Amino acid sequence: MTTVYGIKNCDTIKKTLRWLTDNQIEYTFHDYRKDGIDPTWLDEVLTQVDWELLVNKRGTTYRQLDDSVKASLNANNVAALLLEQPAMIKRPLLSHSGNIELGFKPDIYSELFR
């Protein structure tokens, strides 16, 4: 089963979903804003993905954080912040057969779904 996590109005999410559809790959879309984030799921993702890679530092939500919050962000407190601000999670997060891929990577997707 393939699940794409993100925010529906994100351009990169739209590209990812179009790529999956064009390549006839069935998927489920999980919208962080609409469907929320399960803390247990996030903890599991954080065991597989370095928290610094998971945080979208180029996004508006992160850039608007107070500098003291950015400076104190670490592995112990990042989950709480991501649960509070799901738009800070790098998009898309694609989960397929136990693998997690961050970002839209058509070449890697082609390998993954071969």
N, C-alpha and C. Protein backbone atom coordinates (compact mmCIF):
# COMPACT_ATOMS: atom_id res chain seq x y z
N MET A 1 0.84 -1.18 0.00
CA MET A 1 0.00 0.00 0.00
C MET A 1 0.89 1.25 0.00
N THR A 2 0.52 2.20 -0.80
CA THR A 2 1.25 3.45 -0.90
C THR A 2 0.41 4.57 -0.33
N THR A 3 1.01 5.35 0.53
CA THR A 3 0.33 6.51 1.09
C THR A 3 1.21 7.73 0.87
N VAL A 4 0.58 8.79 0.41
CA VAL A 4 1.25 10.07 0.24
C VAL A 4 0.72 11.00 1.32
N TYR A 5 1.64 11.57 2.08
CA TYR A 5 1.29 12.49 3.15
C TYR A 5 1.68 13.90 2.74
N GLY A 6 0.81 14.85 3.04
CA GLY A 6 1.12 16.23 2.72
C GLY A 6 -0.08 17.14 2.89
N ILE A 7 -0.06 18.23 2.14
CA ILE A 7 -1.12 19.22 2.17
C ILE A 7 -1.62 19.38 0.74
N LYS A 8 -2.92 19.24 0.57
CA LYS A 8 -3.52 19.13 -0.77
C LYS A 8 -3.16 20.28 -1.72
N ASN A 9 -3.06 21.50 -1.23
CA ASN A 9 -2.82 22.63 -2.13
C ASN A 9 -1.34 22.86 -2.44
N CYS A 10 -0.46 21.98 -1.98
CA CYS A 10 0.97 22.09 -2.25
C CYS A 10 1.27 21.65 -3.69
N ASP A 11 2.01 22.48 -4.41
CA ASP A 11 2.34 22.16 -5.81
C ASP A 11 3.13 20.86 -5.95
N THR A 12 4.02 20.60 -5.01
CA THR A 12 4.81 19.37 -5.08
C THR A 12 3.94 18.15 -4.83
N ILE A 13 2.95 18.29 -3.97
CA ILE A 13 2.00 17.19 -3.76
C ILE A 13 1.23 16.94 -5.05
N LYS A 14 0.80 18.00 -5.70
CA LYS A 14 0.06 17.85 -6.95
C LYS A 14 0.90 17.11 -8.00
N LYS A 15 2.19 17.45 -8.10
CA LYS A 15 3.09 16.77 -9.04
C LYS A 15 3.21 15.29 -8.69
N THR A 16 3.35 15.01 -7.41
CA THR A 16 3.50 13.63 -6.96
C THR A 16 2.26 12.81 -7.28
N LEU A 17 1.10 13.34 -6.94
CA LEU A 17 -0.15 12.61 -7.20
C LEU A 17 -0.36 12.42 -8.70
N ARG A 18 -0.02 13.41 -9.51
CA ARG A 18 -0.13 13.29 -10.96
C ARG A 18 0.81 12.19 -11.47
N TRP A 19 2.04 12.16 -10.94
CA TRP A 19 3.00 11.14 -11.36
C TRP A 19 2.47 9.75 -11.02
N LEU A 20 1.97 9.58 -9.81
CA LEU A 20 1.44 8.27 -9.40
C LEU A 20 0.26 7.86 -10.28
N THR A 21 -0.64 8.79 -10.54
CA THR A 21 -1.80 8.50 -11.39
C THR A 21 -1.36 8.16 -12.81
N ASP A 22 -0.46 8.96 -13.36
CA ASP A 22 0.03 8.72 -14.73
C ASP A 22 0.72 7.37 -14.86
N ASN A 23 1.32 6.90 -13.77
CA ASN A 23 2.02 5.61 -13.77
C ASN A 23 1.16 4.48 -13.22
N GLN A 24 -0.14 4.75 -13.10
CA GLN A 24 -1.13 3.76 -12.67
C GLN A 24 -0.78 3.08 -11.35
N ILE A 25 -0.35 3.89 -10.41
CA ILE A 25 -0.01 3.39 -9.08
C ILE A 25 -1.11 3.82 -8.11
N GLU A 26 -1.69 2.83 -7.47
CA GLU A 26 -2.75 3.13 -6.50
C GLU A 26 -2.13 3.72 -5.25
N TYR A 27 -2.81 4.70 -4.69
CA TYR A 27 -2.30 5.35 -3.49
C TYR A 27 -3.47 5.90 -2.67
N THR A 28 -3.15 6.20 -1.45
CA THR A 28 -4.05 6.91 -0.55
C THR A 28 -3.38 8.23 -0.22
N PHE A 29 -4.16 9.30 -0.18
CA PHE A 29 -3.60 10.59 0.18
C PHE A 29 -4.06 10.97 1.59
N HIS A 30 -3.11 11.34 2.41
CA HIS A 30 -3.39 11.76 3.79
C HIS A 30 -3.03 13.24 3.91
N ASP A 31 -4.05 14.07 4.09
CA ASP A 31 -3.85 15.52 4.21
C ASP A 31 -3.64 15.86 5.69
N TYR A 32 -2.45 16.38 6.00
CA TYR A 32 -2.14 16.71 7.39
C TYR A 32 -3.16 17.65 8.01
N ARG A 33 -3.61 18.63 7.25
CA ARG A 33 -4.53 19.62 7.79
C ARG A 33 -5.93 19.04 7.99
N LYS A 34 -6.38 18.25 7.05
CA LYS A 34 -7.73 17.68 7.12
C LYS A 34 -7.79 16.44 8.02
N ASP A 35 -6.80 15.56 7.86
CA ASP A 35 -6.84 14.27 8.55
C ASP A 35 -6.04 14.25 9.86
N GLY A 36 -5.24 15.28 10.08
CA GLY A 36 -4.44 15.34 11.31
C GLY A 36 -3.24 14.42 11.24
N ILE A 37 -2.51 14.39 12.34
CA ILE A 37 -1.32 13.54 12.44
C ILE A 37 -1.43 12.71 13.71
N ASP A 38 -1.23 11.43 13.55
CA ASP A 38 -1.22 10.51 14.69
C ASP A 38 0.17 10.57 15.33
N PRO A 39 0.24 10.89 16.62
CA PRO A 39 1.55 10.98 17.28
C PRO A 39 2.37 9.69 17.18
N THR A 40 1.71 8.54 17.23
CA THR A 40 2.42 7.26 17.12
C THR A 40 3.03 7.12 15.73
N TRP A 41 2.28 7.51 14.70
CA TRP A 41 2.80 7.48 13.33
C TRP A 41 4.03 8.38 13.21
N LEU A 42 3.93 9.60 13.75
CA LEU A 42 5.05 10.53 13.66
C LEU A 42 6.28 9.98 14.38
N ASP A 43 6.09 9.38 15.55
CA ASP A 43 7.22 8.78 16.27
C ASP A 43 7.89 7.69 15.43
N GLU A 44 7.07 6.90 14.73
CA GLU A 44 7.61 5.83 13.87
C GLU A 44 8.40 6.43 12.70
N VAL A 45 7.86 7.47 12.10
CA VAL A 45 8.57 8.14 11.00
C VAL A 45 9.91 8.67 11.50
N LEU A 46 9.91 9.24 12.68
CA LEU A 46 11.14 9.81 13.23
C LEU A 46 12.19 8.75 13.58
N THR A 47 11.77 7.48 13.68
CA THR A 47 12.76 6.41 13.87
C THR A 47 13.41 6.04 12.53
N GLN A 48 12.75 6.38 11.43
CA GLN A 48 13.24 6.01 10.10
C GLN A 48 13.89 7.17 9.34
N VAL A 49 13.53 8.40 9.71
CA VAL A 49 14.00 9.58 8.99
C VAL A 49 14.62 10.55 9.99
N ASP A 50 15.79 11.04 9.69
CA ASP A 50 16.45 12.04 10.53
C ASP A 50 15.53 13.24 10.67
N TRP A 51 15.33 13.69 11.88
CA TRP A 51 14.39 14.79 12.12
C TRP A 51 14.77 16.05 11.35
N GLU A 52 16.06 16.26 11.14
CA GLU A 52 16.49 17.46 10.41
C GLU A 52 16.10 17.39 8.93
N LEU A 53 15.97 16.19 8.40
CA LEU A 53 15.51 16.03 7.02
C LEU A 53 13.99 16.15 6.93
N LEU A 54 13.31 15.78 7.99
CA LEU A 54 11.85 15.80 8.01
C LEU A 54 11.29 17.22 8.12
N VAL A 55 12.03 18.11 8.75
CA VAL A 55 11.57 19.49 8.92
C VAL A 55 11.85 20.28 7.65
N ASN A 56 10.81 20.89 7.11
CA ASN A 56 10.93 21.71 5.91
C ASN A 56 11.39 23.11 6.32
N LYS A 57 12.69 23.31 6.30
CA LYS A 57 13.26 24.58 6.75
C LYS A 57 13.13 25.68 5.71
N ARG A 58 12.74 25.34 4.50
CA ARG A 58 12.57 26.36 3.47
C ARG A 58 11.14 26.90 3.43
N GLY A 59 10.24 26.26 4.15
CA GLY A 59 8.84 26.66 4.11
C GLY A 59 8.54 27.89 4.97
N THR A 60 7.43 28.51 4.67
CA THR A 60 7.00 29.72 5.38
C THR A 60 6.80 29.46 6.87
N THR A 61 6.20 28.34 7.21
CA THR A 61 5.90 28.06 8.62
C THR A 61 7.18 28.03 9.45
N TYR A 62 8.20 27.36 8.94
CA TYR A 62 9.47 27.31 9.67
C TYR A 62 10.12 28.68 9.74
N ARG A 63 10.15 29.38 8.62
CA ARG A 63 10.81 30.69 8.59
C ARG A 63 10.15 31.69 9.53
N GLN A 64 8.86 31.50 9.81
CA GLN A 64 8.15 32.43 10.69
C GLN A 64 8.34 32.10 12.18
N LEU A 65 8.96 30.98 12.47
CA LEU A 65 9.22 30.63 13.87
C LEU A 65 10.18 31.64 14.48
N ASP A 66 10.01 31.86 15.76
CA ASP A 66 10.95 32.70 16.50
C ASP A 66 12.33 32.04 16.45
N ASP A 67 13.37 32.86 16.33
CA ASP A 67 14.74 32.33 16.25
C ASP A 67 15.10 31.46 17.44
N SER A 68 14.56 31.77 18.61
CA SER A 68 14.86 30.97 19.80
C SER A 68 14.27 29.56 19.68
N VAL A 69 13.11 29.44 19.03
CA VAL A 69 12.50 28.13 18.82
C VAL A 69 13.34 27.33 17.83
N LYS A 70 13.76 27.99 16.75
CA LYS A 70 14.61 27.32 15.76
C LYS A 70 15.91 26.83 16.41
N ALA A 71 16.51 27.67 17.23
CA ALA A 71 17.80 27.34 17.85
C ALA A 71 17.68 26.19 18.85
N SER A 72 16.51 26.07 19.48
CA SER A 72 16.35 25.03 20.50
C SER A 72 15.73 23.74 19.95
N LEU A 73 15.42 23.71 18.68
CA LEU A 73 14.82 22.53 18.07
C LEU A 73 15.81 21.37 18.07
N ASN A 74 15.34 20.21 18.52
CA ASN A 74 16.21 19.03 18.56
C ASN A 74 15.37 17.75 18.48
N ALA A 75 16.02 16.62 18.51
CA ALA A 75 15.34 15.33 18.39
C ALA A 75 14.32 15.09 19.50
N ASN A 76 14.53 15.70 20.64
CA ASN A 76 13.63 15.47 21.78
C ASN A 76 12.36 16.30 21.72
N ASN A 77 12.37 17.43 21.00
CA ASN A 77 11.18 18.28 21.01
C ASN A 77 10.56 18.50 19.63
N VAL A 78 11.16 17.94 18.59
CA VAL A 78 10.67 18.19 17.24
C VAL A 78 9.28 17.60 17.01
N ALA A 79 8.98 16.45 17.59
CA ALA A 79 7.67 15.82 17.36
C ALA A 79 6.54 16.72 17.84
N ALA A 80 6.69 17.32 19.00
CA ALA A 80 5.65 18.20 19.53
C ALA A 80 5.40 19.38 18.59
N LEU A 81 6.47 19.94 18.06
CA LEU A 81 6.34 21.07 17.15
C LEU A 81 5.69 20.65 15.83
N LEU A 82 6.06 19.49 15.30
CA LEU A 82 5.48 19.01 14.05
C LEU A 82 4.00 18.66 14.21
N LEU A 83 3.63 18.15 15.37
CA LEU A 83 2.21 17.88 15.63
C LEU A 83 1.41 19.18 15.67
N GLU A 84 2.02 20.21 16.21
CA GLU A 84 1.38 21.52 16.32
C GLU A 84 1.38 22.26 14.97
N GLN A 85 2.44 22.06 14.18
CA GLN A 85 2.63 22.75 12.91
C GLN A 85 2.92 21.74 11.79
N PRO A 86 1.92 20.96 11.37
CA PRO A 86 2.18 19.91 10.38
C PRO A 86 2.67 20.43 9.03
N ALA A 87 2.44 21.70 8.72
CA ALA A 87 2.94 22.25 7.46
C ALA A 87 4.46 22.30 7.43
N MET A 88 5.10 22.08 8.58
CA MET A 88 6.56 22.07 8.64
C MET A 88 7.17 20.74 8.23
N ILE A 89 6.34 19.74 7.99
CA ILE A 89 6.86 18.44 7.56
C ILE A 89 7.13 18.51 6.06
N LYS A 90 8.33 18.11 5.66
CA LYS A 90 8.72 18.14 4.24
C LYS A 90 7.71 17.33 3.44
N ARG A 91 7.37 17.87 2.26
CA ARG A 91 6.35 17.24 1.43
C ARG A 91 6.93 16.93 0.05
N PRO A 92 6.40 15.88 -0.52
CA PRO A 92 5.56 14.86 0.08
C PRO A 92 6.39 13.87 0.90
N LEU A 93 5.71 13.21 1.76
CA LEU A 93 6.27 12.06 2.45
C LEU A 93 5.53 10.87 1.86
N LEU A 94 6.25 10.02 1.15
CA LEU A 94 5.65 8.88 0.49
C LEU A 94 6.05 7.63 1.26
N SER A 95 5.06 6.85 1.66
CA SER A 95 5.29 5.61 2.38
C SER A 95 4.85 4.45 1.49
N HIS A 96 5.79 3.51 1.24
CA HIS A 96 5.49 2.37 0.39
C HIS A 96 6.27 1.16 0.87
N SER A 97 5.56 0.12 1.25
CA SER A 97 6.18 -1.15 1.67
C SER A 97 7.29 -0.96 2.70
N GLY A 98 7.03 -0.12 3.68
CA GLY A 98 8.00 0.10 4.75
C GLY A 98 9.07 1.13 4.42
N ASN A 99 9.10 1.61 3.19
CA ASN A 99 10.06 2.64 2.79
C ASN A 99 9.43 4.01 2.89
N ILE A 100 10.23 4.99 3.27
CA ILE A 100 9.77 6.38 3.30
C ILE A 100 10.68 7.20 2.41
N GLU A 101 10.06 7.96 1.52
CA GLU A 101 10.79 8.88 0.65
C GLU A 101 10.27 10.28 0.91
N LEU A 102 11.18 11.21 1.04
CA LEU A 102 10.82 12.61 1.23
C LEU A 102 11.05 13.37 -0.07
N GLY A 103 10.10 14.20 -0.43
CA GLY A 103 10.24 15.01 -1.63
C GLY A 103 9.80 14.24 -2.87
N PHE A 104 9.56 14.99 -3.94
CA PHE A 104 9.14 14.41 -5.21
C PHE A 104 10.38 14.00 -5.99
N LYS A 105 10.57 12.68 -6.15
CA LYS A 105 11.75 12.14 -6.81
C LYS A 105 11.32 11.08 -7.83
N PRO A 106 10.96 11.51 -9.03
CA PRO A 106 10.47 10.56 -10.04
C PRO A 106 11.42 9.39 -10.30
N ASP A 107 12.72 9.63 -10.33
CA ASP A 107 13.67 8.55 -10.58
C ASP A 107 13.62 7.49 -9.48
N ILE A 108 13.57 7.94 -8.25
CA ILE A 108 13.50 7.01 -7.11
C ILE A 108 12.13 6.31 -7.10
N TYR A 109 11.08 7.05 -7.40
CA TYR A 109 9.74 6.44 -7.47
C TYR A 109 9.72 5.33 -8.52
N SER A 110 10.35 5.58 -9.67
CA SER A 110 10.38 4.56 -10.73
C SER A 110 11.04 3.28 -10.23
N GLU A 111 12.12 3.41 -9.49
CA GLU A 111 12.81 2.25 -8.91
C GLU A 111 11.93 1.57 -7.86
N LEU A 112 11.31 2.37 -7.02
CA LEU A 112 10.50 1.86 -5.92
C LEU A 112 9.30 1.05 -6.41
N PHE A 113 8.71 1.49 -7.52
CA PHE A 113 7.49 0.84 -8.02
C PHE A 113 7.74 -0.10 -9.19
N ARG A 114 8.98 -0.44 -9.41
CA ARG A 114 9.33 -1.34 -10.51
C ARG A 114 8.85 -2.72 -10.27
